[in-house]
């Protein structure tokens, strides 16, 4: 069932507030991971790869969870019961946010590596291996996050049934 206009606005406001807080947290984590180094390659050698990108991965995961939470709270605020179909809809939306965020991260990383190769006129022989490692890491992380969000929604639905 669709949210009312007020509930949709409530959902967007909740999500936007959480997104802003997550952006601030991501910047703090980036600074901590880079340990004062401004050059990405130097920081990646120190922090490891894909460890240097972990704040961005964590941000995307938290953004997906924030979307699911905002949507769930909006349904609750609207007085609608969350059933299996609504939970599936929430999961699709949270998964979409995850995929968009992490797809942008992968595209940005591919672009960064291509630009570095063009600028230095040297191909990094490990570039495809790094991207493969990052891709596998992201896929595992997304799968774990989606399962966690699904489990949280199912648990919340069961708790709501017990209260009623």
C-alpha atoms as a PDB file:
ATOM      1  CA  UNK A   1       0.000   0.000   0.000  1.00  0.00           C
ATOM      2  CA  UNK A   2       1.255   3.462  -0.834  1.00  0.00           C
ATOM      3  CA  UNK A   3       2.202   6.023   1.767  1.00  0.00           C
ATOM      4  CA  UNK A   4       0.147   9.159   2.214  1.00  0.00           C
ATOM      5  CA  UNK A   5       1.672  12.418   1.022  1.00  0.00           C
ATOM      6  CA  UNK A   6       2.487  13.442   4.619  1.00  0.00           C
ATOM      7  CA  UNK A   7       4.073  10.069   5.363  1.00  0.00           C
ATOM      8  CA  UNK A   8       6.151  10.277   2.187  1.00  0.00           C
ATOM      9  CA  UNK A   9       7.389  13.703   3.234  1.00  0.00           C
ATOM     10  CA  UNK A  10       8.147  12.351   6.716  1.00  0.00           C
ATOM     11  CA  UNK A  11      10.110   9.490   5.133  1.00  0.00           C
ATOM     12  CA  UNK A  12      12.166  11.865   2.982  1.00  0.00           C
ATOM     13  CA  UNK A  13      12.886  14.177   5.919  1.00  0.00           C
ATOM     14  CA  UNK A  14      14.035  11.273   8.083  1.00  0.00           C
ATOM     15  CA  UNK A  15      16.213   9.911   5.306  1.00  0.00           C
ATOM     16  CA  UNK A  16      17.747  13.289   4.487  1.00  0.00           C
ATOM     17  CA  UNK A  17      18.588  13.977   8.137  1.00  0.00           C
ATOM     18  CA  UNK A  18      20.255  10.585   8.455  1.00  0.00           C
ATOM     19  CA  UNK A  19      22.112  11.022   5.144  1.00  0.00           C
ATOM     20  CA  UNK A  20      23.554  14.330   6.312  1.00  0.00           C
ATOM     21  CA  UNK A  21      24.783  12.776   9.558  1.00  0.00           C
ATOM     22  CA  UNK A  22      26.256   9.834   7.639  1.00  0.00           C
ATOM     23  CA  UNK A  23      28.151  12.174   5.294  1.00  0.00           C
ATOM     24  CA  UNK A  24      29.801  13.878   8.279  1.00  0.00           C
ATOM     25  CA  UNK A  25      30.706  10.506   9.763  1.00  0.00           C
ATOM     26  CA  UNK A  26      32.151   9.323   6.436  1.00  0.00           C
ATOM     27  CA  UNK A  27      34.434  12.345   6.257  1.00  0.00           C
ATOM     28  CA  UNK A  28      35.732  11.650   9.776  1.00  0.00           C
ATOM     29  CA  UNK A  29      36.375   8.013   8.833  1.00  0.00           C
ATOM     30  CA  UNK A  30      38.163   9.010   5.616  1.00  0.00           C
ATOM     31  CA  UNK A  31      40.498  11.280   7.572  1.00  0.00           C
ATOM     32  CA  UNK A  32      41.195   8.520  10.101  1.00  0.00           C
ATOM     33  CA  UNK A  33      41.883   5.896   7.415  1.00  0.00           C
ATOM     34  CA  UNK A  34      44.205   8.173   5.442  1.00  0.00           C
ATOM     35  CA  UNK A  35      46.206   8.968   8.586  1.00  0.00           C
ATOM     36  CA  UNK A  36      47.051  12.456   7.391  1.00  0.00           C
ATOM     37  CA  UNK A  37      48.146  11.413   3.892  1.00  0.00           C
ATOM     38  CA  UNK A  38      46.625  13.393   1.033  1.00  0.00           C
ATOM     39  CA  UNK A  39      47.871  11.232  -1.851  1.00  0.00           C
ATOM     40  CA  UNK A  40      45.445   8.360  -2.461  1.00  0.00           C
ATOM     41  CA  UNK A  41      48.136   5.884  -3.536  1.00  0.00           C
ATOM     42  CA  UNK A  42      50.250   6.538  -0.425  1.00  0.00           C
ATOM     43  CA  UNK A  43      47.216   6.216   1.812  1.00  0.00           C
ATOM     44  CA  UNK A  44      46.167   2.998   0.022  1.00  0.00           C
ATOM     45  CA  UNK A  45      49.605   1.493   0.617  1.00  0.00           C
ATOM     46  CA  UNK A  46      49.323   2.291   4.308  1.00  0.00           C
ATOM     47  CA  UNK A  47      45.658   1.375   4.838  1.00  0.00           C
ATOM     48  CA  UNK A  48      45.459  -1.423   2.287  1.00  0.00           C
ATOM     49  CA  UNK A  49      43.183  -1.877  -0.658  1.00  0.00           C
ATOM     50  CA  UNK A  50      40.130  -1.887  -0.473  1.00  0.00           C
ATOM     51  CA  UNK A  51      40.529  -0.729   3.146  1.00  0.00           C
ATOM     52  CA  UNK A  52      41.131   2.811   1.963  1.00  0.00           C
ATOM     53  CA  UNK A  53      37.616   2.764   0.471  1.00  0.00           C
ATOM     54  CA  UNK A  54      35.956   1.225   3.539  1.00  0.00           C
ATOM     55  CA  UNK A  55      34.495   4.543   4.769  1.00  0.00           C
ATOM     56  CA  UNK A  56      32.700   4.913   1.425  1.00  0.00           C
ATOM     57  CA  UNK A  57      31.482   1.313   1.550  1.00  0.00           C
ATOM     58  CA  UNK A  58      30.286   1.767   5.137  1.00  0.00           C
ATOM     59  CA  UNK A  59      28.504   4.965   4.098  1.00  0.00           C
ATOM     60  CA  UNK A  60      26.651   3.197   1.278  1.00  0.00           C
ATOM     61  CA  UNK A  61      25.599   0.372   3.593  1.00  0.00           C
ATOM     62  CA  UNK A  62      24.405   2.780   6.257  1.00  0.00           C
ATOM     63  CA  UNK A  63      22.538   4.752   3.585  1.00  0.00           C
ATOM     64  CA  UNK A  64      20.676   1.607   2.496  1.00  0.00           C
ATOM     65  CA  UNK A  65      19.799   0.824   6.102  1.00  0.00           C
ATOM     66  CA  UNK A  66      18.724   4.444   6.667  1.00  0.00           C
ATOM     67  CA  UNK A  67      16.397   4.214   3.668  1.00  0.00           C
ATOM     68  CA  UNK A  68      14.817   1.029   5.004  1.00  0.00           C
ATOM     69  CA  UNK A  69      14.434   2.520   8.497  1.00  0.00           C
ATOM     70  CA  UNK A  70      12.928   5.764   7.191  1.00  0.00           C
ATOM     71  CA  UNK A  71      10.474   3.846   5.042  1.00  0.00           C
ATOM     72  CA  UNK A  72       9.479   1.530   7.915  1.00  0.00           C
ATOM     73  CA  UNK A  73       8.985   4.479  10.278  1.00  0.00           C
ATOM     74  CA  UNK A  74       6.890   6.287   7.664  1.00  0.00           C
ATOM     75  CA  UNK A  75       4.569   3.291   7.338  1.00  0.00           C
ATOM     76  CA  UNK A  76       4.343   3.130  11.107  1.00  0.00           C
ATOM     77  CA  UNK A  77       3.691   6.907  11.321  1.00  0.00           C
ATOM     78  CA  UNK A  78       0.999   6.552   8.644  1.00  0.00           C
ATOM     79  CA  UNK A  79      -0.707   3.862  10.728  1.00  0.00           C
ATOM     80  CA  UNK A  80      -0.196   1.157   8.116  1.00  0.00           C
ATOM     81  CA  UNK A  81       0.726  -2.372   9.040  1.00  0.00           C
ATOM     82  CA  UNK A  82       3.844  -3.727   7.424  1.00  0.00           C
ATOM     83  CA  UNK A  83       3.207  -7.093   5.843  1.00  0.00           C
ATOM     84  CA  UNK A  84       5.287  -9.296   3.580  1.00  0.00           C
ATOM     85  CA  UNK A  85       4.557  -7.266   0.448  1.00  0.00           C
ATOM     86  CA  UNK A  86       5.434  -3.973   2.122  1.00  0.00           C
ATOM     87  CA  UNK A  87       8.598  -5.468   3.603  1.00  0.00           C
ATOM     88  CA  UNK A  88       9.594  -6.673   0.135  1.00  0.00           C
ATOM     89  CA  UNK A  89       8.966  -3.170  -1.243  1.00  0.00           C
ATOM     90  CA  UNK A  90      11.159  -1.668   1.494  1.00  0.00           C
ATOM     91  CA  UNK A  91      13.888  -4.208   0.714  1.00  0.00           C
ATOM     92  CA  UNK A  92      13.817  -3.356  -2.989  1.00  0.00           C
ATOM     93  CA  UNK A  93      14.122   0.343  -2.227  1.00  0.00           C
ATOM     94  CA  UNK A  94      16.973  -0.172   0.269  1.00  0.00           C
ATOM     95  CA  UNK A  95      18.708  -2.500  -2.201  1.00  0.00           C
ATOM     96  CA  UNK A  96      18.373   0.106  -4.921  1.00  0.00           C
ATOM     97  CA  UNK A  97      20.029   2.744  -2.729  1.00  0.00           C
ATOM     98  CA  UNK A  98      22.824   0.275  -1.939  1.00  0.00           C
ATOM     99  CA  UNK A  99      23.383  -0.635  -5.585  1.00  0.00           C
ATOM    100  CA  UNK A 100      23.378   2.981  -6.757  1.00  0.00           C
ATOM    101  CA  UNK A 101      25.808   4.108  -4.079  1.00  0.00           C
ATOM    102  CA  UNK A 102      28.215   1.237  -4.547  1.00  0.00           C
ATOM    103  CA  UNK A 103      27.904   1.307  -8.325  1.00  0.00           C
ATOM    104  CA  UNK A 104      29.004   4.933  -8.173  1.00  0.00           C
ATOM    105  CA  UNK A 105      31.943   3.933  -5.986  1.00  0.00           C
ATOM    106  CA  UNK A 106      33.037   1.260  -8.475  1.00  0.00           C
ATOM    107  CA  UNK A 107      32.668   3.625 -11.441  1.00  0.00           C
ATOM    108  CA  UNK A 108      34.607   6.313  -9.602  1.00  0.00           C
ATOM    109  CA  UNK A 109      37.382   3.903  -8.769  1.00  0.00           C
ATOM    110  CA  UNK A 110      37.600   2.699 -12.384  1.00  0.00           C
ATOM    111  CA  UNK A 111      37.766   6.317 -13.501  1.00  0.00           C
ATOM    112  CA  UNK A 112      40.413   7.180 -10.920  1.00  0.00           C
ATOM    113  CA  UNK A 113      42.597   4.294 -12.084  1.00  0.00           C
ATOM    114  CA  UNK A 114      42.131   5.203 -15.766  1.00  0.00           C
ATOM    115  CA  UNK A 115      42.965   8.845 -15.082  1.00  0.00           C
ATOM    116  CA  UNK A 116      46.060   7.855 -13.104  1.00  0.00           C
ATOM    117  CA  UNK A 117      47.224   5.620 -15.962  1.00  0.00           C
ATOM    118  CA  UNK A 118      46.608   8.391 -18.478  1.00  0.00           C
ATOM    119  CA  UNK A 119      48.357  11.023 -16.360  1.00  0.00           C
ATOM    120  CA  UNK A 120      51.431   8.918 -15.564  1.00  0.00           C
ATOM    121  CA  UNK A 121      51.413   7.078 -18.915  1.00  0.00           C
ATOM    122  CA  UNK A 122      51.918   3.839 -17.001  1.00  0.00           C
ATOM    123  CA  UNK A 123      49.408   1.050 -16.710  1.00  0.00           C
ATOM    124  CA  UNK A 124      49.041  -0.394 -13.238  1.00  0.00           C
ATOM    125  CA  UNK A 125      49.367  -4.155 -13.757  1.00  0.00           C
ATOM    126  CA  UNK A 126      47.408  -4.735 -10.552  1.00  0.00           C
ATOM    127  CA  UNK A 127      44.503  -2.441 -11.499  1.00  0.00           C
ATOM    128  CA  UNK A 128      42.170  -5.172 -12.730  1.00  0.00           C
ATOM    129  CA  UNK A 129      43.033  -7.349  -9.738  1.00  0.00           C
ATOM    130  CA  UNK A 130      42.297  -4.440  -7.397  1.00  0.00           C
ATOM    131  CA  UNK A 131      38.966  -3.767  -9.072  1.00  0.00           C
ATOM    132  CA  UNK A 132      38.115  -7.467  -8.924  1.00  0.00           C
ATOM    133  CA  UNK A 133      38.977  -7.574  -5.231  1.00  0.00           C
ATOM    134  CA  UNK A 134      36.884  -4.452  -4.607  1.00  0.00           C
ATOM    135  CA  UNK A 135      33.970  -5.898  -6.586  1.00  0.00           C
ATOM    136  CA  UNK A 136      34.038  -9.166  -4.621  1.00  0.00           C
ATOM    137  CA  UNK A 137      34.291  -7.264  -1.332  1.00  0.00           C
ATOM    138  CA  UNK A 138      31.328  -5.084  -2.277  1.00  0.00           C
ATOM    139  CA  UNK A 139      29.203  -8.061  -3.380  1.00  0.00           C
ATOM    140  CA  UNK A 140      29.840  -9.900  -0.100  1.00  0.00           C
ATOM    141  CA  UNK A 141      29.144  -6.776   1.909  1.00  0.00           C
ATOM    142  CA  UNK A 142      25.924  -5.965   0.021  1.00  0.00           C
ATOM    143  CA  UNK A 143      24.654  -9.511   0.447  1.00  0.00           C
ATOM    144  CA  UNK A 144      25.359  -9.385   4.183  1.00  0.00           C
ATOM    145  CA  UNK A 145      23.719  -5.952   4.484  1.00  0.00           C
ATOM    146  CA  UNK A 146      20.597  -7.002   2.586  1.00  0.00           C
ATOM    147  CA  UNK A 147      20.244 -10.093   4.762  1.00  0.00           C
ATOM    148  CA  UNK A 148      20.683  -7.980   7.886  1.00  0.00           C
ATOM    149  CA  UNK A 149      18.060  -5.453   6.765  1.00  0.00           C
ATOM    150  CA  UNK A 150      15.651  -8.270   5.840  1.00  0.00           C
ATOM    151  CA  UNK A 151      16.194  -9.960   9.204  1.00  0.00           C
ATOM    152  CA  UNK A 152      15.649  -6.667  11.056  1.00  0.00           C
ATOM    153  CA  UNK A 153      12.398  -6.048   9.158  1.00  0.00           C
ATOM    154  CA  UNK A 154      11.172  -9.592   9.821  1.00  0.00           C
ATOM    155  CA  UNK A 155      12.041  -9.288  13.493  1.00  0.00           C
ATOM    156  CA  UNK A 156      10.264  -5.943  13.719  1.00  0.00           C
ATOM    157  CA  UNK A 157       7.162  -7.404  12.034  1.00  0.00           C
ATOM    158  CA  UNK A 158       7.114 -10.341  14.458  1.00  0.00           C
ATOM    159  CA  UNK A 159       7.502  -8.007  17.430  1.00  0.00           C
ATOM    160  CA  UNK A 160       4.627  -5.848  16.179  1.00  0.00           C
ATOM    161  CA  UNK A 161       2.367  -8.904  15.872  1.00  0.00           C
ATOM    162  CA  UNK A 162       3.169  -9.909  19.446  1.00  0.00           C
ATOM    163  CA  UNK A 163       2.329  -6.429  20.758  1.00  0.00           C
ATOM    164  CA  UNK A 164      -1.082  -6.454  19.075  1.00  0.00           C
END
